[in-house]
Amino acid sequence: MLPGDERRAVRRDLVERARGGDRDAFATLAAESIGRLFNIAQLMLRDRDLADDAVQETIVLAWRDLRGLRDLDGFDAWLHRVLVRCVYREAERERRRSARTIQVLDIASQLDTARDVEDRDTLDRGFRRLRPEHRAVLVLHHYLGFSDDEAADALSVPVGTIKSRLNRATSALRAELEADARSVGHLAVESVLAVESVRSVESVR
């Protein structure tokens, strides 16, 4: 295994050659990155086929746009931003193709493992009911750890839009969770009343 500095130098050389049009160098970079890209895309889209489509589009766009990369050492971060944009577009395309809502991120995986399945299901339901642009900004901010500037760059919107979307997404998710909690409480009361009614009937008999 090469020392850290040497590995970075080799990778930087690959990026520089790929940026200059060397297909072999780019193929090497793609091969080194594709597994990680697929894992991220699958986590966000929760669908292997959609994730595969997003990764393929990422590779195509990366080859097309690599010449514009100025910071050779920033290749991985740049590639990551390309992937996020492709994942977001793939989710949008699927939303238009189907009435079902794409689960962009299984937020439940971030919960304390001591919490029960009902809590995870409630959070998942609330997340899936959010608008696509709200799900996307939550993914970027809370899971991928993007700053406002990085998220704005990834989604091609102003920083102010990211901040307002994040606030709205957080409020919307909180509202969905509170609505679910009220619904569960109402159902629990109805269940108790139903049981008591049955017991009353049985006592009359």
N, C-alpha and C. Protein backbone atom coordinates (compact mmCIF):
# COMPACT_ATOMS: atom_id res chain seq x y z
N MET A 1 0.84 -1.19 0.00
CA MET A 1 0.00 0.00 0.00
C MET A 1 0.88 1.25 0.00
N LEU A 2 0.52 2.20 -0.83
CA LEU A 2 1.31 3.42 -0.93
C LEU A 2 1.07 4.33 0.27
N PRO A 3 2.10 5.07 0.70
CA PRO A 3 1.92 6.06 1.77
C PRO A 3 0.88 7.09 1.35
N GLY A 4 0.29 7.77 2.36
CA GLY A 4 -0.79 8.72 2.08
C GLY A 4 -0.42 9.79 1.07
N ASP A 5 0.74 10.42 1.24
CA ASP A 5 1.14 11.49 0.34
C ASP A 5 1.32 10.97 -1.08
N GLU A 6 1.87 9.76 -1.19
CA GLU A 6 2.10 9.20 -2.53
C GLU A 6 0.78 8.83 -3.19
N ARG A 7 -0.16 8.30 -2.40
CA ARG A 7 -1.47 7.97 -2.96
C ARG A 7 -2.16 9.23 -3.48
N ARG A 8 -2.08 10.31 -2.70
CA ARG A 8 -2.70 11.57 -3.14
C ARG A 8 -2.04 12.09 -4.41
N ALA A 9 -0.73 11.94 -4.50
CA ALA A 9 -0.02 12.41 -5.69
C ALA A 9 -0.43 11.60 -6.93
N VAL A 10 -0.56 10.27 -6.75
CA VAL A 10 -0.97 9.41 -7.86
C VAL A 10 -2.39 9.78 -8.31
N ARG A 11 -3.27 9.98 -7.33
CA ARG A 11 -4.66 10.32 -7.68
C ARG A 11 -4.73 11.69 -8.35
N ARG A 12 -3.95 12.62 -7.86
CA ARG A 12 -3.94 13.95 -8.46
C ARG A 12 -3.47 13.87 -9.91
N ASP A 13 -2.49 13.02 -10.16
CA ASP A 13 -2.00 12.83 -11.53
C ASP A 13 -3.08 12.24 -12.40
N LEU A 14 -3.84 11.28 -11.87
CA LEU A 14 -4.94 10.68 -12.63
C LEU A 14 -5.99 11.73 -12.98
N VAL A 15 -6.32 12.56 -12.00
CA VAL A 15 -7.33 13.60 -12.24
C VAL A 15 -6.84 14.57 -13.30
N GLU A 16 -5.58 14.96 -13.22
CA GLU A 16 -5.03 15.90 -14.19
C GLU A 16 -5.05 15.31 -15.60
N ARG A 17 -4.66 14.03 -15.71
CA ARG A 17 -4.67 13.38 -17.02
C ARG A 17 -6.09 13.22 -17.55
N ALA A 18 -7.03 12.84 -16.65
CA ALA A 18 -8.42 12.68 -17.07
C ALA A 18 -9.00 14.01 -17.51
N ARG A 19 -8.66 15.06 -16.80
CA ARG A 19 -9.15 16.39 -17.17
C ARG A 19 -8.65 16.79 -18.55
N GLY A 20 -7.48 16.28 -18.92
CA GLY A 20 -6.91 16.57 -20.23
C GLY A 20 -7.43 15.67 -21.33
N GLY A 21 -8.36 14.74 -20.99
CA GLY A 21 -8.97 13.90 -22.01
C GLY A 21 -8.47 12.46 -22.04
N ASP A 22 -7.68 12.06 -21.06
CA ASP A 22 -7.16 10.69 -21.00
C ASP A 22 -8.27 9.76 -20.51
N ARG A 23 -8.81 8.94 -21.41
CA ARG A 23 -9.93 8.05 -21.07
C ARG A 23 -9.51 6.96 -20.09
N ASP A 24 -8.30 6.46 -20.22
CA ASP A 24 -7.84 5.42 -19.31
C ASP A 24 -7.73 5.94 -17.89
N ALA A 25 -7.23 7.15 -17.74
CA ALA A 25 -7.12 7.75 -16.42
C ALA A 25 -8.50 7.95 -15.81
N PHE A 26 -9.44 8.41 -16.62
CA PHE A 26 -10.79 8.61 -16.12
C PHE A 26 -11.44 7.27 -15.75
N ALA A 27 -11.19 6.25 -16.56
CA ALA A 27 -11.74 4.92 -16.26
C ALA A 27 -11.23 4.42 -14.92
N THR A 28 -9.97 4.69 -14.61
CA THR A 28 -9.41 4.29 -13.33
C THR A 28 -10.08 5.03 -12.18
N LEU A 29 -10.28 6.33 -12.34
CA LEU A 29 -10.96 7.12 -11.32
C LEU A 29 -12.40 6.64 -11.12
N ALA A 30 -13.07 6.35 -12.22
CA ALA A 30 -14.46 5.89 -12.13
C ALA A 30 -14.54 4.54 -11.42
N ALA A 31 -13.62 3.64 -11.75
CA ALA A 31 -13.61 2.33 -11.11
C ALA A 31 -13.37 2.44 -9.61
N GLU A 32 -12.53 3.37 -9.21
CA GLU A 32 -12.23 3.56 -7.78
C GLU A 32 -13.41 4.18 -7.03
N SER A 33 -14.26 4.91 -7.74
CA SER A 33 -15.32 5.68 -7.09
C SER A 33 -16.70 5.05 -7.19
N ILE A 34 -16.92 4.17 -8.14
CA ILE A 34 -18.27 3.75 -8.47
C ILE A 34 -18.97 3.02 -7.33
N GLY A 35 -18.23 2.22 -6.56
CA GLY A 35 -18.85 1.52 -5.45
C GLY A 35 -19.38 2.47 -4.39
N ARG A 36 -18.56 3.46 -4.05
CA ARG A 36 -18.98 4.46 -3.06
C ARG A 36 -20.15 5.28 -3.58
N LEU A 37 -20.11 5.67 -4.84
CA LEU A 37 -21.20 6.44 -5.43
C LEU A 37 -22.51 5.65 -5.39
N PHE A 38 -22.43 4.37 -5.71
CA PHE A 38 -23.64 3.55 -5.73
C PHE A 38 -24.23 3.41 -4.32
N ASN A 39 -23.37 3.21 -3.33
CA ASN A 39 -23.86 3.08 -1.95
C ASN A 39 -24.60 4.33 -1.51
N ILE A 40 -24.05 5.50 -1.84
CA ILE A 40 -24.70 6.76 -1.46
C ILE A 40 -26.02 6.92 -2.19
N ALA A 41 -26.02 6.65 -3.49
CA ALA A 41 -27.25 6.80 -4.28
C ALA A 41 -28.34 5.84 -3.81
N GLN A 42 -27.96 4.62 -3.48
CA GLN A 42 -28.95 3.66 -3.03
C GLN A 42 -29.52 4.05 -1.67
N LEU A 43 -28.68 4.59 -0.81
CA LEU A 43 -29.15 5.05 0.49
C LEU A 43 -30.17 6.17 0.33
N MET A 44 -29.92 7.06 -0.61
CA MET A 44 -30.81 8.21 -0.80
C MET A 44 -32.09 7.84 -1.53
N LEU A 45 -31.99 6.94 -2.52
CA LEU A 45 -33.14 6.61 -3.35
C LEU A 45 -33.87 5.35 -2.90
N ARG A 46 -33.19 4.48 -2.14
CA ARG A 46 -33.76 3.24 -1.65
C ARG A 46 -34.27 2.35 -2.78
N ASP A 47 -33.57 2.37 -3.89
CA ASP A 47 -33.95 1.57 -5.05
C ASP A 47 -32.69 1.31 -5.87
N ARG A 48 -32.35 0.04 -6.07
CA ARG A 48 -31.11 -0.30 -6.75
C ARG A 48 -31.09 0.19 -8.20
N ASP A 49 -32.21 0.02 -8.90
CA ASP A 49 -32.27 0.42 -10.31
C ASP A 49 -32.13 1.94 -10.46
N LEU A 50 -32.84 2.68 -9.62
CA LEU A 50 -32.75 4.14 -9.67
C LEU A 50 -31.34 4.60 -9.30
N ALA A 51 -30.75 3.94 -8.30
CA ALA A 51 -29.39 4.29 -7.89
C ALA A 51 -28.41 4.02 -9.03
N ASP A 52 -28.58 2.90 -9.71
CA ASP A 52 -27.71 2.57 -10.83
C ASP A 52 -27.82 3.61 -11.94
N ASP A 53 -29.06 4.04 -12.22
CA ASP A 53 -29.26 5.07 -13.25
C ASP A 53 -28.58 6.38 -12.85
N ALA A 54 -28.72 6.73 -11.56
CA ALA A 54 -28.12 7.98 -11.08
C ALA A 54 -26.59 7.94 -11.17
N VAL A 55 -26.01 6.79 -10.85
CA VAL A 55 -24.55 6.66 -10.91
C VAL A 55 -24.07 6.71 -12.36
N GLN A 56 -24.79 6.03 -13.25
CA GLN A 56 -24.40 6.07 -14.66
C GLN A 56 -24.43 7.50 -15.19
N GLU A 57 -25.47 8.24 -14.84
CA GLU A 57 -25.56 9.63 -15.29
C GLU A 57 -24.42 10.45 -14.68
N THR A 58 -24.07 10.16 -13.44
CA THR A 58 -22.98 10.87 -12.78
C THR A 58 -21.67 10.67 -13.53
N ILE A 59 -21.39 9.43 -13.92
CA ILE A 59 -20.15 9.13 -14.63
C ILE A 59 -20.11 9.85 -15.98
N VAL A 60 -21.23 9.83 -16.68
CA VAL A 60 -21.30 10.50 -17.99
C VAL A 60 -21.07 12.00 -17.84
N LEU A 61 -21.75 12.62 -16.88
CA LEU A 61 -21.61 14.06 -16.68
C LEU A 61 -20.22 14.43 -16.17
N ALA A 62 -19.66 13.56 -15.32
CA ALA A 62 -18.31 13.83 -14.82
C ALA A 62 -17.30 13.86 -15.95
N TRP A 63 -17.39 12.91 -16.87
CA TRP A 63 -16.48 12.89 -18.02
C TRP A 63 -16.69 14.13 -18.90
N ARG A 64 -17.94 14.52 -19.06
CA ARG A 64 -18.24 15.67 -19.91
C ARG A 64 -17.74 16.98 -19.30
N ASP A 65 -17.89 17.11 -17.97
CA ASP A 65 -17.64 18.39 -17.32
C ASP A 65 -16.30 18.48 -16.60
N LEU A 66 -15.52 17.41 -16.61
CA LEU A 66 -14.29 17.38 -15.82
C LEU A 66 -13.29 18.46 -16.22
N ARG A 67 -13.32 18.86 -17.47
CA ARG A 67 -12.37 19.88 -17.92
C ARG A 67 -12.54 21.19 -17.17
N GLY A 68 -13.73 21.41 -16.63
CA GLY A 68 -13.98 22.65 -15.89
C GLY A 68 -13.54 22.60 -14.45
N LEU A 69 -13.05 21.45 -13.98
CA LEU A 69 -12.59 21.33 -12.60
C LEU A 69 -11.26 22.06 -12.42
N ARG A 70 -11.22 23.00 -11.52
CA ARG A 70 -10.00 23.78 -11.31
C ARG A 70 -9.12 23.18 -10.20
N ASP A 71 -9.75 22.71 -9.13
CA ASP A 71 -9.00 22.18 -8.00
C ASP A 71 -8.84 20.67 -8.16
N LEU A 72 -7.67 20.23 -8.55
CA LEU A 72 -7.45 18.80 -8.77
C LEU A 72 -7.65 17.99 -7.50
N ASP A 73 -7.31 18.56 -6.36
CA ASP A 73 -7.47 17.85 -5.09
C ASP A 73 -8.93 17.80 -4.64
N GLY A 74 -9.77 18.58 -5.29
CA GLY A 74 -11.19 18.60 -4.92
C GLY A 74 -12.05 17.70 -5.79
N PHE A 75 -11.42 16.75 -6.50
CA PHE A 75 -12.16 15.89 -7.42
C PHE A 75 -13.27 15.12 -6.72
N ASP A 76 -12.96 14.52 -5.57
CA ASP A 76 -13.96 13.69 -4.89
C ASP A 76 -15.16 14.52 -4.45
N ALA A 77 -14.91 15.70 -3.88
CA ALA A 77 -16.01 16.56 -3.45
C ALA A 77 -16.84 17.00 -4.65
N TRP A 78 -16.17 17.32 -5.74
CA TRP A 78 -16.87 17.72 -6.96
C TRP A 78 -17.73 16.57 -7.50
N LEU A 79 -17.17 15.37 -7.52
CA LEU A 79 -17.91 14.21 -8.01
C LEU A 79 -19.12 13.93 -7.13
N HIS A 80 -18.95 14.16 -5.85
CA HIS A 80 -20.05 13.97 -4.91
C HIS A 80 -21.19 14.93 -5.21
N ARG A 81 -20.87 16.16 -5.52
CA ARG A 81 -21.90 17.14 -5.85
C ARG A 81 -22.62 16.77 -7.14
N VAL A 82 -21.87 16.25 -8.12
CA VAL A 82 -22.49 15.79 -9.37
C VAL A 82 -23.48 14.67 -9.06
N LEU A 83 -23.08 13.74 -8.20
CA LEU A 83 -23.96 12.62 -7.84
C LEU A 83 -25.24 13.11 -7.19
N VAL A 84 -25.11 14.06 -6.25
CA VAL A 84 -26.29 14.56 -5.55
C VAL A 84 -27.28 15.17 -6.54
N ARG A 85 -26.79 15.91 -7.50
CA ARG A 85 -27.68 16.50 -8.50
C ARG A 85 -28.36 15.41 -9.33
N CYS A 86 -27.61 14.37 -9.67
CA CYS A 86 -28.19 13.27 -10.47
C CYS A 86 -29.23 12.49 -9.67
N VAL A 87 -28.95 12.27 -8.40
CA VAL A 87 -29.91 11.58 -7.54
C VAL A 87 -31.20 12.40 -7.43
N TYR A 88 -31.03 13.70 -7.26
CA TYR A 88 -32.20 14.57 -7.13
C TYR A 88 -33.04 14.54 -8.41
N ARG A 89 -32.37 14.60 -9.56
CA ARG A 89 -33.10 14.55 -10.83
C ARG A 89 -33.77 13.20 -11.02
N GLU A 90 -33.10 12.13 -10.62
CA GLU A 90 -33.68 10.79 -10.77
C GLU A 90 -34.93 10.65 -9.91
N ALA A 91 -34.89 11.18 -8.71
CA ALA A 91 -36.06 11.15 -7.84
C ALA A 91 -37.20 11.95 -8.44
N GLU A 92 -36.88 13.09 -9.05
CA GLU A 92 -37.90 13.91 -9.69
C GLU A 92 -38.51 13.18 -10.89
N ARG A 93 -37.67 12.54 -11.68
CA ARG A 93 -38.17 11.80 -12.84
C ARG A 93 -39.08 10.66 -12.41
N GLU A 94 -38.68 9.95 -11.37
CA GLU A 94 -39.50 8.84 -10.88
C GLU A 94 -40.81 9.34 -10.30
N ARG A 95 -40.76 10.49 -9.64
CA ARG A 95 -42.00 11.07 -9.10
C ARG A 95 -42.98 11.39 -10.21
N ARG A 96 -42.46 11.87 -11.33
CA ARG A 96 -43.34 12.16 -12.46
C ARG A 96 -43.84 10.89 -13.13
N ARG A 97 -43.01 9.84 -13.13
CA ARG A 97 -43.41 8.59 -13.77
C ARG A 97 -44.45 7.84 -12.95
N SER A 98 -44.44 8.06 -11.67
CA SER A 98 -45.31 7.27 -10.80
C SER A 98 -45.94 8.16 -9.75
N ALA A 99 -47.08 7.76 -9.25
CA ALA A 99 -47.76 8.53 -8.22
C ALA A 99 -47.15 8.29 -6.86
N ARG A 100 -46.36 7.26 -6.73
CA ARG A 100 -45.79 6.95 -5.42
C ARG A 100 -44.67 7.93 -5.09
N THR A 101 -44.42 8.15 -3.84
CA THR A 101 -43.39 9.06 -3.36
C THR A 101 -42.11 8.30 -3.15
N ILE A 102 -41.00 8.86 -3.65
CA ILE A 102 -39.70 8.23 -3.47
C ILE A 102 -39.19 8.49 -2.06
N GLN A 103 -38.73 7.44 -1.41
CA GLN A 103 -38.10 7.61 -0.11
C GLN A 103 -36.63 7.94 -0.35
N VAL A 104 -36.29 9.23 -0.36
CA VAL A 104 -34.95 9.66 -0.69
C VAL A 104 -33.93 9.21 0.34
N LEU A 105 -34.36 9.19 1.58
CA LEU A 105 -33.41 8.77 2.62
C LEU A 105 -34.15 8.06 3.72
N ASP A 106 -33.60 6.93 4.16
CA ASP A 106 -34.18 6.21 5.28
C ASP A 106 -33.68 6.86 6.56
N ILE A 107 -34.30 7.95 6.96
CA ILE A 107 -33.87 8.68 8.14
C ILE A 107 -33.92 7.78 9.37
N ALA A 108 -34.79 6.78 9.33
CA ALA A 108 -34.91 5.91 10.49
C ALA A 108 -33.59 5.27 10.86
N SER A 109 -32.69 5.12 9.90
CA SER A 109 -31.41 4.49 10.18
C SER A 109 -30.55 5.33 11.11
N GLN A 110 -30.89 6.63 11.24
CA GLN A 110 -30.13 7.50 12.12
C GLN A 110 -30.67 7.51 13.55
N LEU A 111 -31.80 6.84 13.76
CA LEU A 111 -32.39 6.84 15.09
C LEU A 111 -31.61 5.93 16.04
N ASP A 112 -31.74 6.20 17.32
CA ASP A 112 -31.15 5.34 18.33
C ASP A 112 -31.74 3.95 18.17
N THR A 113 -30.89 2.94 18.15
CA THR A 113 -31.37 1.58 17.93
C THR A 113 -32.28 1.10 19.04
N ALA A 114 -32.30 1.80 20.17
CA ALA A 114 -33.17 1.40 21.27
C ALA A 114 -34.63 1.77 21.02
N ARG A 115 -34.86 2.67 20.05
CA ARG A 115 -36.23 3.08 19.76
C ARG A 115 -36.96 1.95 19.07
N ASP A 116 -38.27 1.93 19.25
CA ASP A 116 -39.02 0.82 18.68
C ASP A 116 -39.38 1.06 17.24
N VAL A 117 -39.91 0.00 16.61
CA VAL A 117 -40.23 0.04 15.18
C VAL A 117 -41.29 1.08 14.89
N GLU A 118 -42.20 1.29 15.81
CA GLU A 118 -43.27 2.25 15.58
C GLU A 118 -42.72 3.65 15.40
N ASP A 119 -41.72 4.03 16.20
CA ASP A 119 -41.11 5.35 16.06
C ASP A 119 -40.45 5.51 14.70
N ARG A 120 -39.74 4.48 14.25
CA ARG A 120 -39.06 4.55 12.96
C ARG A 120 -40.07 4.65 11.82
N ASP A 121 -41.14 3.87 11.92
CA ASP A 121 -42.17 3.92 10.88
C ASP A 121 -42.84 5.28 10.82
N THR A 122 -43.08 5.87 11.98
CA THR A 122 -43.71 7.18 12.03
C THR A 122 -42.82 8.23 11.36
N LEU A 123 -41.54 8.21 11.66
CA LEU A 123 -40.61 9.16 11.05
C LEU A 123 -40.51 8.94 9.55
N ASP A 124 -40.49 7.69 9.14
CA ASP A 124 -40.40 7.37 7.72
C ASP A 124 -41.64 7.87 6.97
N ARG A 125 -42.81 7.66 7.55
CA ARG A 125 -44.04 8.13 6.91
C ARG A 125 -44.04 9.65 6.77
N GLY A 126 -43.62 10.33 7.84
CA GLY A 126 -43.57 11.79 7.78
C GLY A 126 -42.60 12.27 6.73
N PHE A 127 -41.44 11.62 6.64
CA PHE A 127 -40.42 12.04 5.67
C PHE A 127 -40.90 11.84 4.24
N ARG A 128 -41.57 10.71 3.98
CA ARG A 128 -42.02 10.42 2.62
C ARG A 128 -43.13 11.36 2.16
N ARG A 129 -43.83 11.99 3.11
CA ARG A 129 -44.91 12.92 2.73
C ARG A 129 -44.39 14.32 2.43
N LEU A 130 -43.12 14.58 2.66
CA LEU A 130 -42.56 15.89 2.35
C LEU A 130 -42.41 16.09 0.86
N ARG A 131 -42.37 17.35 0.43
CA ARG A 131 -42.13 17.65 -0.98
C ARG A 131 -40.71 17.25 -1.35
N PRO A 132 -40.47 16.87 -2.61
CA PRO A 132 -39.13 16.40 -3.03
C PRO A 132 -38.01 17.38 -2.68
N GLU A 133 -38.24 18.68 -2.88
CA GLU A 133 -37.18 19.64 -2.61
C GLU A 133 -36.88 19.75 -1.12
N HIS A 134 -37.89 19.47 -0.28
CA HIS A 134 -37.67 19.48 1.16
C HIS A 134 -36.92 18.23 1.61
N ARG A 135 -37.26 17.09 1.02
CA ARG A 135 -36.51 15.88 1.35
C ARG A 135 -35.05 16.03 0.94
N ALA A 136 -34.84 16.62 -0.22
CA ALA A 136 -33.47 16.77 -0.72
C ALA A 136 -32.62 17.63 0.20
N VAL A 137 -33.16 18.74 0.67
CA VAL A 137 -32.35 19.64 1.50
C VAL A 137 -32.08 19.02 2.87
N LEU A 138 -33.01 18.22 3.38
CA LEU A 138 -32.76 17.52 4.64
C LEU A 138 -31.66 16.48 4.48
N VAL A 139 -31.67 15.79 3.35
CA VAL A 139 -30.62 14.81 3.06
C VAL A 139 -29.26 15.48 3.02
N LEU A 140 -29.17 16.56 2.27
CA LEU A 140 -27.90 17.25 2.10
C LEU A 140 -27.38 17.80 3.43
N HIS A 141 -28.27 18.38 4.20
CA HIS A 141 -27.83 19.06 5.43
C HIS A 141 -27.56 18.09 6.57
N HIS A 142 -28.51 17.18 6.83
CA HIS A 142 -28.40 16.35 8.03
C HIS A 142 -27.64 15.04 7.80
N TYR A 143 -27.71 14.49 6.60
CA TYR A 143 -27.01 13.22 6.37
C TYR A 143 -25.63 13.42 5.75
N LEU A 144 -25.59 14.19 4.66
CA LEU A 144 -24.32 14.39 3.98
C LEU A 144 -23.48 15.49 4.61
N GLY A 145 -24.08 16.29 5.47
CA GLY A 145 -23.32 17.31 6.17
C GLY A 145 -22.90 18.49 5.31
N PHE A 146 -23.65 18.77 4.24
CA PHE A 146 -23.32 19.89 3.37
C PHE A 146 -23.57 21.21 4.09
N SER A 147 -22.71 22.17 3.84
CA SER A 147 -22.96 23.53 4.31
C SER A 147 -24.04 24.14 3.41
N ASP A 148 -24.54 25.32 3.81
CA ASP A 148 -25.55 25.98 2.97
C ASP A 148 -25.00 26.27 1.58
N ASP A 149 -23.76 26.70 1.51
CA ASP A 149 -23.15 27.01 0.21
C ASP A 149 -23.02 25.75 -0.65
N GLU A 150 -22.60 24.64 -0.03
CA GLU A 150 -22.44 23.39 -0.78
C GLU A 150 -23.78 22.85 -1.25
N ALA A 151 -24.79 22.95 -0.40
CA ALA A 151 -26.13 22.49 -0.79
C ALA A 151 -26.68 23.34 -1.92
N ALA A 152 -26.44 24.65 -1.85
CA ALA A 152 -26.90 25.55 -2.91
C ALA A 152 -26.23 25.20 -4.23
N ASP A 153 -24.95 24.88 -4.17
CA ASP A 153 -24.22 24.50 -5.38
C ASP A 153 -24.74 23.18 -5.93
N ALA A 154 -25.02 22.22 -5.04
CA ALA A 154 -25.48 20.91 -5.47
C ALA A 154 -26.85 20.97 -6.13
N LEU A 155 -27.73 21.84 -5.64
CA LEU A 155 -29.09 21.93 -6.17
C LEU A 155 -29.29 23.10 -7.12
N SER A 156 -28.20 23.85 -7.35
CA SER A 156 -28.25 24.98 -8.30
C SER A 156 -29.32 26.01 -7.92
N VAL A 157 -29.35 26.36 -6.64
CA VAL A 157 -30.27 27.39 -6.15
C VAL A 157 -29.49 28.35 -5.26
N PRO A 158 -30.02 29.55 -5.00
CA PRO A 158 -29.33 30.49 -4.12
C PRO A 158 -29.24 29.97 -2.67
N VAL A 159 -28.26 30.48 -1.93
CA VAL A 159 -28.08 30.07 -0.54
C VAL A 159 -29.33 30.41 0.28
N GLY A 160 -29.93 31.56 0.00
CA GLY A 160 -31.14 31.95 0.72
C GLY A 160 -32.26 30.95 0.53
N THR A 161 -32.34 30.36 -0.65
CA THR A 161 -33.37 29.36 -0.92
C THR A 161 -33.12 28.11 -0.09
N ILE A 162 -31.85 27.73 0.05
CA ILE A 162 -31.51 26.56 0.87
C ILE A 162 -31.94 26.79 2.31
N LYS A 163 -31.65 27.97 2.84
CA LYS A 163 -32.00 28.26 4.23
C LYS A 163 -33.50 28.23 4.45
N SER A 164 -34.25 28.82 3.51
CA SER A 164 -35.71 28.84 3.67
C SER A 164 -36.29 27.44 3.50
N ARG A 165 -35.74 26.66 2.56
CA ARG A 165 -36.23 25.29 2.37
C ARG A 165 -35.95 24.43 3.60
N LEU A 166 -34.79 24.63 4.20
CA LEU A 166 -34.44 23.84 5.37
C LEU A 166 -35.39 24.15 6.52
N ASN A 167 -35.69 25.44 6.71
CA ASN A 167 -36.63 25.82 7.77
C ASN A 167 -38.02 25.24 7.50
N ARG A 168 -38.46 25.36 6.24
CA ARG A 168 -39.79 24.84 5.90
C ARG A 168 -39.83 23.32 6.00
N ALA A 169 -38.75 22.66 5.57
CA ALA A 169 -38.71 21.20 5.63
C ALA A 169 -38.76 20.72 7.07
N THR A 170 -38.01 21.39 7.95
CA THR A 170 -38.01 21.00 9.35
C THR A 170 -39.38 21.20 9.98
N SER A 171 -40.01 22.33 9.66
CA SER A 171 -41.35 22.60 10.19
C SER A 171 -42.37 21.62 9.64
N ALA A 172 -42.25 21.31 8.36
CA ALA A 172 -43.19 20.38 7.73
C ALA A 172 -43.06 18.98 8.32
N LEU A 173 -41.82 18.55 8.54
CA LEU A 173 -41.61 17.22 9.11
C LEU A 173 -42.14 17.17 10.54
N ARG A 174 -41.91 18.24 11.29
CA ARG A 174 -42.43 18.29 12.67
C ARG A 174 -43.95 18.22 12.67
N ALA A 175 -44.57 18.94 11.73
CA ALA A 175 -46.03 18.94 11.65
C ALA A 175 -46.56 17.56 11.30
N GLU A 176 -45.87 16.87 10.38
CA GLU A 176 -46.30 15.53 10.00
C GLU A 176 -46.20 14.57 11.19
N LEU A 177 -45.13 14.68 11.95
CA LEU A 177 -44.94 13.80 13.10
C LEU A 177 -45.99 14.08 14.18
N GLU A 178 -46.30 15.38 14.38
CA GLU A 178 -47.31 15.73 15.38
C GLU A 178 -48.69 15.25 14.94
N ALA A 179 -48.97 15.34 13.63
CA ALA A 179 -50.25 14.86 13.11
C ALA A 179 -50.37 13.35 13.31
N ASP A 180 -49.28 12.64 13.07
CA ASP A 180 -49.28 11.19 13.27
C ASP A 180 -49.52 10.86 14.74
N ALA A 181 -48.88 11.63 15.62
CA ALA A 181 -49.03 11.38 17.05
C ALA A 181 -50.48 11.58 17.49
N ARG A 182 -51.11 12.65 16.95
CA ARG A 182 -52.52 12.90 17.29
C ARG A 182 -53.40 11.78 16.76
N SER A 183 -53.09 11.31 15.54
CA SER A 183 -53.86 10.24 14.93
C SER A 183 -53.76 8.95 15.74
N VAL A 184 -52.53 8.65 16.16
CA VAL A 184 -52.32 7.44 16.96
C VAL A 184 -53.06 7.54 18.29
N GLY A 185 -53.02 8.72 18.90
CA GLY A 185 -53.73 8.91 20.16
C GLY A 185 -55.22 8.75 20.00
N HIS A 186 -55.76 9.29 18.89
CA HIS A 186 -57.19 9.18 18.62
C HIS A 186 -57.59 7.73 18.41
N LEU A 187 -56.76 6.99 17.66
CA LEU A 187 -57.05 5.57 17.42
C LEU A 187 -56.99 4.78 18.71
N ALA A 188 -56.05 5.14 19.59
CA ALA A 188 -55.93 4.43 20.86
C ALA A 188 -57.19 4.63 21.70
N VAL A 189 -57.72 5.86 21.73
CA VAL A 189 -58.93 6.15 22.49
C VAL A 189 -60.10 5.36 21.92
N GLU A 190 -60.19 5.34 20.57
CA GLU A 190 -61.27 4.60 19.93
C GLU A 190 -61.20 3.11 20.25
N SER A 191 -59.97 2.59 20.30
CA SER A 191 -59.78 1.18 20.60
C SER A 191 -60.25 0.87 22.02
N VAL A 192 -59.90 1.75 22.96
CA VAL A 192 -60.32 1.55 24.34
C VAL A 192 -61.84 1.58 24.44
N LEU A 193 -62.45 2.57 23.77
CA LEU A 193 -63.92 2.68 23.81
C LEU A 193 -64.58 1.45 23.21
N ALA A 194 -63.98 0.93 22.13
CA ALA A 194 -64.54 -0.25 21.48
C ALA A 194 -64.47 -1.45 22.42
N VAL A 195 -63.36 -1.60 23.10
CA VAL A 195 -63.20 -2.72 24.04
C VAL A 195 -64.22 -2.61 25.16
N GLU A 196 -64.38 -1.38 25.67
CA GLU A 196 -65.33 -1.18 26.76
C GLU A 196 -66.75 -1.47 26.29
N SER A 197 -67.07 -1.12 25.04
CA SER A 197 -68.41 -1.39 24.50
C SER A 197 -68.67 -2.89 24.43
N VAL A 198 -67.65 -3.62 23.96
CA VAL A 198 -67.79 -5.07 23.87
C VAL A 198 -67.99 -5.68 25.25
N ARG A 199 -67.22 -5.18 26.24
CA ARG A 199 -67.36 -5.70 27.58
C ARG A 199 -68.74 -5.42 28.16
N SER A 200 -69.27 -4.22 27.83
CA SER A 200 -70.61 -3.86 28.31
C SER A 200 -71.66 -4.78 27.75
N VAL A 201 -71.54 -5.07 26.44
CA VAL A 201 -72.50 -5.97 25.79
C VAL A 201 -72.42 -7.35 26.40
N GLU A 202 -71.20 -7.82 26.63
CA GLU A 202 -71.01 -9.15 27.17
C GLU A 202 -71.57 -9.24 28.61
N SER A 203 -71.44 -8.14 29.38
CA SER A 203 -71.95 -8.15 30.75
C SER A 203 -73.49 -8.20 30.78
N VAL A 204 -74.12 -7.58 29.77
CA VAL A 204 -75.58 -7.61 29.67
C VAL A 204 -76.05 -9.03 29.40
N ARG A 205 -75.29 -9.71 28.51
CA ARG A 205 -75.64 -11.09 28.19
C ARG A 205 -75.55 -11.97 29.45
